[in-house]
């Protein structure tokens, strides 16, 4: 249920409308959209749900989190955002932040045409299906 749908944030405030995508291999992506107000459009990391304690954790690499995740979530070199899982059903996800008590609510949306970030970042051909290579005067070692 968590990984088969997209989760659109419905919480009031700056994150309203953000899109949360959870993959079955434990990755997450939070898309703030093209008109975002934070330093980057995507926040990416790993997610985990402890079914015994109903604690949902997002972990974000220290490099990615340092400009967009509040320092209160930093443990060691990385950032860990722990939430209590309050509601999870076919249409609704509700979380409560351990440190701030803030509630985050999401509604389920069909997942259509999702492209993994690693695939999305593959260089695109410059023209006519050919990749742009460095100029012939460079010292990159190519002979093409």
N, C-alpha and C. Protein backbone atom coordinates (compact mmCIF):
# COMPACT_ATOMS: atom_id res chain seq x y z
N UNK A 1 0.82 -1.19 0.00
CA UNK A 1 0.00 0.00 0.00
C UNK A 1 0.87 1.26 0.00
N UNK A 2 1.94 1.27 0.78
CA UNK A 2 2.80 2.45 0.83
C UNK A 2 3.55 2.69 -0.47
N UNK A 3 4.01 1.61 -1.11
CA UNK A 3 4.87 1.76 -2.28
C UNK A 3 4.13 1.72 -3.61
N UNK A 4 2.90 1.36 -3.64
CA UNK A 4 2.17 1.26 -4.90
C UNK A 4 1.51 2.54 -5.36
N UNK A 5 1.53 3.57 -4.52
CA UNK A 5 0.87 4.82 -4.85
C UNK A 5 1.82 5.98 -4.59
N UNK A 6 1.46 7.13 -5.12
CA UNK A 6 2.12 8.38 -4.75
C UNK A 6 1.34 8.98 -3.59
N UNK A 7 2.00 9.75 -2.77
CA UNK A 7 1.35 10.40 -1.64
C UNK A 7 1.49 11.91 -1.78
N UNK A 8 0.36 12.60 -2.01
CA UNK A 8 0.33 14.05 -2.18
C UNK A 8 0.09 14.67 -0.81
N UNK A 9 0.99 15.57 -0.40
CA UNK A 9 0.86 16.18 0.93
C UNK A 9 -0.30 17.16 0.95
N UNK A 10 -1.15 17.02 1.97
CA UNK A 10 -2.31 17.89 2.14
C UNK A 10 -2.20 18.73 3.41
N UNK A 11 -1.07 18.65 4.09
CA UNK A 11 -0.85 19.45 5.29
C UNK A 11 -0.87 20.93 4.93
N UNK A 12 -1.40 21.77 5.82
CA UNK A 12 -1.33 23.21 5.53
C UNK A 12 0.13 23.68 5.63
N UNK A 13 0.45 24.72 4.88
CA UNK A 13 1.80 25.29 4.96
C UNK A 13 2.60 25.08 3.70
N UNK A 14 3.90 25.28 3.82
CA UNK A 14 4.81 25.29 2.67
C UNK A 14 4.88 23.96 1.94
N UNK A 15 4.66 22.85 2.63
CA UNK A 15 4.79 21.54 1.96
C UNK A 15 3.51 21.06 1.30
N UNK A 16 2.46 21.80 1.41
CA UNK A 16 1.21 21.40 0.77
C UNK A 16 1.43 21.22 -0.73
N UNK A 17 1.05 20.06 -1.24
CA UNK A 17 1.22 19.77 -2.65
C UNK A 17 2.47 18.97 -2.98
N UNK A 18 3.39 18.84 -2.04
CA UNK A 18 4.59 18.03 -2.29
C UNK A 18 4.17 16.60 -2.60
N UNK A 19 4.95 15.92 -3.39
CA UNK A 19 4.67 14.55 -3.78
C UNK A 19 5.71 13.62 -3.15
N UNK A 20 5.25 12.66 -2.36
CA UNK A 20 6.11 11.69 -1.71
C UNK A 20 6.00 10.36 -2.44
N UNK A 21 7.14 9.83 -2.88
CA UNK A 21 7.19 8.55 -3.57
C UNK A 21 8.07 7.61 -2.75
N UNK A 22 7.54 6.45 -2.42
CA UNK A 22 8.27 5.42 -1.68
C UNK A 22 8.45 4.21 -2.59
N UNK A 23 9.67 3.71 -2.69
CA UNK A 23 9.90 2.54 -3.54
C UNK A 23 9.99 1.28 -2.70
N UNK A 24 9.80 0.15 -3.36
CA UNK A 24 9.83 -1.12 -2.63
C UNK A 24 11.24 -1.54 -2.22
N UNK A 25 12.27 -0.85 -2.69
CA UNK A 25 13.63 -1.17 -2.26
C UNK A 25 14.11 -0.21 -1.17
N UNK A 26 13.21 0.62 -0.63
CA UNK A 26 13.54 1.45 0.51
C UNK A 26 13.98 2.87 0.21
N UNK A 27 13.87 3.31 -1.03
CA UNK A 27 14.20 4.70 -1.36
C UNK A 27 12.96 5.57 -1.27
N UNK A 28 13.17 6.85 -0.98
CA UNK A 28 12.07 7.80 -1.04
C UNK A 28 12.51 9.04 -1.79
N UNK A 29 11.52 9.73 -2.33
CA UNK A 29 11.76 10.98 -3.03
C UNK A 29 10.61 11.90 -2.68
N UNK A 30 10.95 13.10 -2.25
CA UNK A 30 9.94 14.12 -1.97
C UNK A 30 10.13 15.22 -3.01
N UNK A 31 9.15 15.38 -3.88
CA UNK A 31 9.21 16.34 -4.98
C UNK A 31 8.42 17.58 -4.60
N UNK A 32 9.12 18.71 -4.52
CA UNK A 32 8.47 19.96 -4.15
C UNK A 32 7.83 20.65 -5.35
N UNK A 33 8.02 20.09 -6.54
CA UNK A 33 7.44 20.67 -7.74
C UNK A 33 8.35 21.70 -8.39
N UNK A 34 8.03 22.08 -9.61
CA UNK A 34 8.90 22.99 -10.36
C UNK A 34 8.97 24.41 -9.78
N UNK A 35 7.97 24.82 -9.03
CA UNK A 35 7.95 26.17 -8.45
C UNK A 35 8.27 26.13 -6.95
N UNK A 36 9.27 25.34 -6.60
CA UNK A 36 9.62 25.13 -5.19
C UNK A 36 10.26 26.36 -4.56
N UNK A 37 10.15 26.45 -3.24
CA UNK A 37 10.74 27.57 -2.51
C UNK A 37 11.92 27.12 -1.67
N UNK A 38 12.29 25.86 -1.71
CA UNK A 38 13.45 25.39 -0.96
C UNK A 38 14.66 25.34 -1.90
N UNK A 39 15.85 25.04 -1.39
CA UNK A 39 17.05 25.10 -2.22
C UNK A 39 17.08 24.09 -3.37
N UNK A 40 16.22 23.10 -3.36
CA UNK A 40 16.24 22.05 -4.37
C UNK A 40 14.82 21.54 -4.56
N UNK A 41 14.56 20.92 -5.69
CA UNK A 41 13.22 20.40 -5.95
C UNK A 41 13.01 19.06 -5.26
N UNK A 42 14.04 18.21 -5.26
CA UNK A 42 13.89 16.85 -4.75
C UNK A 42 14.69 16.64 -3.47
N UNK A 43 14.06 16.02 -2.49
CA UNK A 43 14.75 15.51 -1.32
C UNK A 43 14.70 14.00 -1.44
N UNK A 44 15.86 13.36 -1.39
CA UNK A 44 15.91 11.91 -1.59
C UNK A 44 16.68 11.25 -0.45
N UNK A 45 16.31 10.03 -0.19
CA UNK A 45 16.99 9.26 0.83
C UNK A 45 16.39 7.88 0.95
N UNK A 46 16.43 7.33 2.15
CA UNK A 46 15.91 6.00 2.43
C UNK A 46 14.77 6.11 3.42
N UNK A 47 13.84 5.16 3.37
CA UNK A 47 12.74 5.12 4.32
C UNK A 47 12.67 3.74 4.95
N UNK A 48 12.09 3.72 6.14
CA UNK A 48 11.94 2.46 6.87
C UNK A 48 10.73 2.59 7.79
N UNK A 49 9.97 1.53 7.88
CA UNK A 49 8.85 1.48 8.81
C UNK A 49 9.09 0.36 9.79
N UNK A 50 9.17 0.70 11.07
CA UNK A 50 9.30 -0.30 12.13
C UNK A 50 7.88 -0.71 12.51
N UNK A 51 7.47 -1.87 12.06
CA UNK A 51 6.09 -2.28 12.27
C UNK A 51 5.77 -2.55 13.74
N UNK A 52 6.77 -2.88 14.54
CA UNK A 52 6.51 -3.14 15.96
C UNK A 52 6.18 -1.86 16.72
N UNK A 53 6.90 -0.78 16.43
CA UNK A 53 6.68 0.47 17.15
C UNK A 53 5.88 1.49 16.36
N UNK A 54 5.57 1.17 15.08
CA UNK A 54 4.84 2.08 14.19
C UNK A 54 5.59 3.40 14.02
N UNK A 55 6.93 3.30 13.93
CA UNK A 55 7.76 4.48 13.70
C UNK A 55 8.24 4.45 12.25
N UNK A 56 7.99 5.53 11.57
CA UNK A 56 8.35 5.71 10.17
C UNK A 56 9.57 6.63 10.14
N UNK A 57 10.67 6.21 9.52
CA UNK A 57 11.90 7.00 9.51
C UNK A 57 12.33 7.30 8.08
N UNK A 58 12.62 8.58 7.82
CA UNK A 58 13.26 9.00 6.59
C UNK A 58 14.70 9.31 6.94
N UNK A 59 15.64 8.74 6.23
CA UNK A 59 17.05 9.08 6.45
C UNK A 59 17.58 9.76 5.20
N UNK A 60 18.33 10.84 5.42
CA UNK A 60 18.84 11.65 4.33
C UNK A 60 20.34 11.81 4.53
N UNK A 61 21.09 11.60 3.46
CA UNK A 61 22.53 11.76 3.45
C UNK A 61 22.91 13.16 3.93
N UNK A 62 24.00 13.26 4.67
CA UNK A 62 24.44 14.54 5.22
C UNK A 62 24.66 15.61 4.18
N UNK A 63 25.19 15.25 3.01
CA UNK A 63 25.42 16.24 1.95
C UNK A 63 24.11 16.80 1.42
N UNK A 64 23.14 15.94 1.18
CA UNK A 64 21.86 16.41 0.66
C UNK A 64 21.07 17.16 1.73
N UNK A 65 21.13 16.69 2.95
CA UNK A 65 20.31 17.27 4.00
C UNK A 65 20.82 18.58 4.56
N UNK A 66 22.11 18.87 4.40
CA UNK A 66 22.66 20.05 5.08
C UNK A 66 22.06 21.37 4.64
N UNK A 67 21.52 21.45 3.41
CA UNK A 67 20.92 22.70 2.97
C UNK A 67 19.40 22.71 3.06
N UNK A 68 18.79 21.55 3.33
CA UNK A 68 17.34 21.53 3.30
C UNK A 68 16.65 20.84 4.45
N UNK A 69 17.40 20.21 5.34
CA UNK A 69 16.80 19.54 6.48
C UNK A 69 17.30 20.25 7.73
N UNK A 70 16.38 20.56 8.63
CA UNK A 70 16.75 21.29 9.85
C UNK A 70 17.80 20.50 10.64
N UNK A 71 18.73 21.21 11.24
CA UNK A 71 19.84 20.58 11.96
C UNK A 71 19.38 19.76 13.17
N UNK A 72 18.16 19.98 13.66
CA UNK A 72 17.69 19.20 14.80
C UNK A 72 17.57 17.70 14.48
N UNK A 73 17.51 17.38 13.18
CA UNK A 73 17.38 15.98 12.77
C UNK A 73 18.73 15.31 12.53
N UNK A 74 19.80 16.04 12.69
CA UNK A 74 21.13 15.50 12.40
C UNK A 74 21.60 14.60 13.54
N UNK A 75 22.01 13.38 13.16
CA UNK A 75 22.61 12.44 14.10
C UNK A 75 23.86 11.90 13.42
N UNK A 76 25.00 12.28 13.96
CA UNK A 76 26.25 11.92 13.30
C UNK A 76 26.39 12.75 12.05
N UNK A 77 26.64 12.11 10.92
CA UNK A 77 26.81 12.83 9.65
C UNK A 77 25.53 12.97 8.86
N UNK A 78 24.50 12.20 9.19
CA UNK A 78 23.28 12.16 8.40
C UNK A 78 22.08 12.69 9.18
N UNK A 79 20.94 12.75 8.49
CA UNK A 79 19.71 13.29 9.07
C UNK A 79 18.67 12.18 9.14
N UNK A 80 17.95 12.12 10.27
CA UNK A 80 16.94 11.08 10.49
C UNK A 80 15.67 11.76 10.98
N UNK A 81 14.62 11.65 10.17
CA UNK A 81 13.34 12.24 10.52
C UNK A 81 12.41 11.11 10.94
N UNK A 82 12.11 11.05 12.25
CA UNK A 82 11.26 9.99 12.79
C UNK A 82 9.84 10.49 12.98
N UNK A 83 8.90 9.66 12.54
CA UNK A 83 7.47 9.99 12.63
C UNK A 83 6.71 8.82 13.23
N UNK A 84 5.69 9.12 14.02
CA UNK A 84 4.73 8.10 14.43
C UNK A 84 3.76 7.92 13.28
N UNK A 85 3.47 6.69 12.94
CA UNK A 85 2.49 6.39 11.91
C UNK A 85 1.12 6.39 12.58
N UNK A 86 0.29 7.39 12.26
CA UNK A 86 -1.01 7.53 12.90
C UNK A 86 -2.12 6.89 12.08
N UNK A 87 -2.10 7.10 10.77
CA UNK A 87 -3.14 6.55 9.90
C UNK A 87 -2.49 6.06 8.62
N UNK A 88 -2.86 4.86 8.21
CA UNK A 88 -2.47 4.35 6.91
C UNK A 88 -3.60 3.49 6.39
N UNK A 89 -4.20 3.95 5.29
CA UNK A 89 -5.21 3.15 4.61
C UNK A 89 -5.09 3.42 3.11
N UNK A 90 -6.01 2.97 2.34
CA UNK A 90 -5.92 3.07 0.88
C UNK A 90 -5.92 4.51 0.38
N UNK A 91 -6.40 5.45 1.17
CA UNK A 91 -6.51 6.84 0.71
C UNK A 91 -5.72 7.84 1.53
N UNK A 92 -5.31 7.49 2.74
CA UNK A 92 -4.75 8.47 3.66
C UNK A 92 -3.50 7.95 4.36
N UNK A 93 -2.52 8.83 4.50
CA UNK A 93 -1.33 8.59 5.31
C UNK A 93 -1.19 9.79 6.23
N UNK A 94 -1.06 9.53 7.53
CA UNK A 94 -0.88 10.62 8.49
C UNK A 94 0.28 10.27 9.42
N UNK A 95 1.19 11.24 9.57
CA UNK A 95 2.39 11.06 10.38
C UNK A 95 2.49 12.18 11.41
N UNK A 96 3.16 11.88 12.55
CA UNK A 96 3.44 12.91 13.56
C UNK A 96 4.94 12.92 13.84
N UNK A 97 5.55 14.07 13.67
CA UNK A 97 6.99 14.26 13.86
C UNK A 97 7.35 14.05 15.32
N UNK A 98 8.34 13.20 15.59
CA UNK A 98 8.77 12.93 16.97
C UNK A 98 9.30 14.18 17.66
N UNK A 99 10.06 15.01 16.94
CA UNK A 99 10.71 16.14 17.59
C UNK A 99 9.82 17.37 17.73
N UNK A 100 8.97 17.62 16.77
CA UNK A 100 8.17 18.85 16.80
C UNK A 100 6.70 18.61 17.12
N UNK A 101 6.22 17.38 16.98
CA UNK A 101 4.80 17.10 17.17
C UNK A 101 3.94 17.48 15.98
N UNK A 102 4.56 18.03 14.93
CA UNK A 102 3.83 18.46 13.73
C UNK A 102 3.21 17.26 13.02
N UNK A 103 1.97 17.44 12.56
CA UNK A 103 1.27 16.40 11.80
C UNK A 103 1.47 16.66 10.32
N UNK A 104 1.70 15.58 9.58
CA UNK A 104 1.78 15.64 8.12
C UNK A 104 0.72 14.69 7.58
N UNK A 105 -0.10 15.17 6.66
CA UNK A 105 -1.15 14.34 6.08
C UNK A 105 -0.95 14.26 4.56
N UNK A 106 -1.32 13.11 4.03
CA UNK A 106 -1.14 12.83 2.60
C UNK A 106 -2.37 12.11 2.08
N UNK A 107 -2.67 12.31 0.79
CA UNK A 107 -3.72 11.54 0.14
C UNK A 107 -3.08 10.72 -0.97
N UNK A 108 -3.61 9.54 -1.18
CA UNK A 108 -3.08 8.64 -2.19
C UNK A 108 -3.46 9.10 -3.59
N UNK A 109 -2.52 8.94 -4.53
CA UNK A 109 -2.76 9.20 -5.95
C UNK A 109 -2.18 8.04 -6.74
N UNK A 110 -2.75 7.78 -7.87
CA UNK A 110 -2.23 6.72 -8.74
C UNK A 110 -0.82 7.07 -9.18
N UNK A 111 0.05 6.07 -9.23
CA UNK A 111 1.42 6.29 -9.70
C UNK A 111 1.47 6.01 -11.19
N UNK A 112 1.68 7.07 -11.95
CA UNK A 112 1.74 6.97 -13.40
C UNK A 112 3.07 7.52 -13.90
N UNK A 113 3.71 6.80 -14.79
CA UNK A 113 4.91 7.28 -15.47
C UNK A 113 6.03 7.71 -14.53
N UNK A 114 6.23 7.02 -13.42
CA UNK A 114 7.32 7.36 -12.51
C UNK A 114 8.64 6.89 -13.10
N UNK A 115 9.63 7.76 -13.05
CA UNK A 115 10.97 7.43 -13.51
C UNK A 115 11.93 7.57 -12.34
N UNK A 116 12.67 6.51 -12.06
CA UNK A 116 13.64 6.55 -10.95
C UNK A 116 14.63 7.70 -11.15
N UNK A 117 15.08 8.34 -10.07
CA UNK A 117 16.02 9.46 -10.19
C UNK A 117 17.30 9.10 -10.96
N UNK A 118 17.82 7.90 -10.78
CA UNK A 118 19.05 7.53 -11.47
C UNK A 118 18.84 7.51 -12.98
N UNK A 119 17.68 7.11 -13.42
CA UNK A 119 17.37 7.09 -14.85
C UNK A 119 17.09 8.51 -15.34
N UNK A 120 16.41 9.29 -14.54
CA UNK A 120 16.07 10.66 -14.91
C UNK A 120 17.32 11.51 -15.14
N UNK A 121 18.42 11.17 -14.46
CA UNK A 121 19.64 11.96 -14.53
C UNK A 121 20.62 11.52 -15.62
N UNK A 122 20.28 10.50 -16.38
CA UNK A 122 21.15 10.07 -17.48
C UNK A 122 21.25 11.22 -18.48
N UNK A 123 22.46 11.54 -18.93
CA UNK A 123 22.60 12.65 -19.88
C UNK A 123 21.75 12.43 -21.13
N UNK A 124 21.16 13.49 -21.60
CA UNK A 124 20.32 13.44 -22.79
C UNK A 124 21.18 13.72 -24.03
N UNK A 125 20.84 13.13 -25.17
CA UNK A 125 21.59 13.42 -26.40
C UNK A 125 21.50 14.91 -26.75
N UNK A 126 22.61 15.48 -27.20
CA UNK A 126 22.65 16.90 -27.54
C UNK A 126 21.82 17.18 -28.80
N UNK A 127 21.97 16.35 -29.83
CA UNK A 127 21.19 16.53 -31.05
C UNK A 127 21.23 15.24 -31.86
N UNK A 128 20.21 14.99 -32.60
CA UNK A 128 20.12 13.86 -33.50
C UNK A 128 20.56 12.53 -32.87
N UNK A 129 20.27 12.36 -31.59
CA UNK A 129 20.56 11.09 -30.94
C UNK A 129 22.01 10.87 -30.57
N UNK A 130 22.87 11.88 -30.72
CA UNK A 130 24.29 11.74 -30.37
C UNK A 130 24.58 12.50 -29.08
N UNK A 131 25.43 11.91 -28.25
CA UNK A 131 25.85 12.58 -27.04
C UNK A 131 26.96 13.56 -27.37
N UNK A 132 26.99 14.66 -26.65
CA UNK A 132 28.02 15.67 -26.86
C UNK A 132 29.29 15.23 -26.13
N UNK A 133 30.38 15.16 -26.85
CA UNK A 133 31.68 14.80 -26.28
C UNK A 133 32.52 16.06 -26.12
N UNK A 134 33.53 16.02 -25.24
CA UNK A 134 34.41 17.18 -25.08
C UNK A 134 35.09 17.50 -26.41
N UNK A 135 35.49 18.74 -26.59
CA UNK A 135 36.17 19.18 -27.82
C UNK A 135 37.46 18.43 -28.07
N UNK A 136 37.88 18.42 -29.33
CA UNK A 136 39.06 17.67 -29.70
C UNK A 136 40.33 18.21 -29.09
N UNK A 137 40.32 19.48 -28.63
CA UNK A 137 41.51 20.06 -28.04
C UNK A 137 41.73 19.67 -26.58
N UNK A 138 40.76 18.99 -25.99
CA UNK A 138 40.86 18.62 -24.58
C UNK A 138 41.81 17.45 -24.35
N UNK A 139 42.17 17.23 -23.14
CA UNK A 139 43.07 16.14 -22.79
C UNK A 139 42.33 14.99 -22.14
N UNK A 140 41.17 14.68 -22.64
CA UNK A 140 40.36 13.63 -22.04
C UNK A 140 40.70 12.27 -22.58
N UNK A 141 41.55 12.15 -23.60
CA UNK A 141 42.05 10.86 -24.05
C UNK A 141 41.25 10.20 -25.16
N UNK A 142 40.17 10.86 -25.62
CA UNK A 142 39.36 10.24 -26.65
C UNK A 142 39.94 10.48 -28.04
N UNK A 143 39.64 9.55 -28.96
CA UNK A 143 40.14 9.69 -30.31
C UNK A 143 39.00 9.72 -31.33
N UNK A 144 37.80 9.99 -30.89
CA UNK A 144 36.64 9.92 -31.79
C UNK A 144 36.56 11.10 -32.71
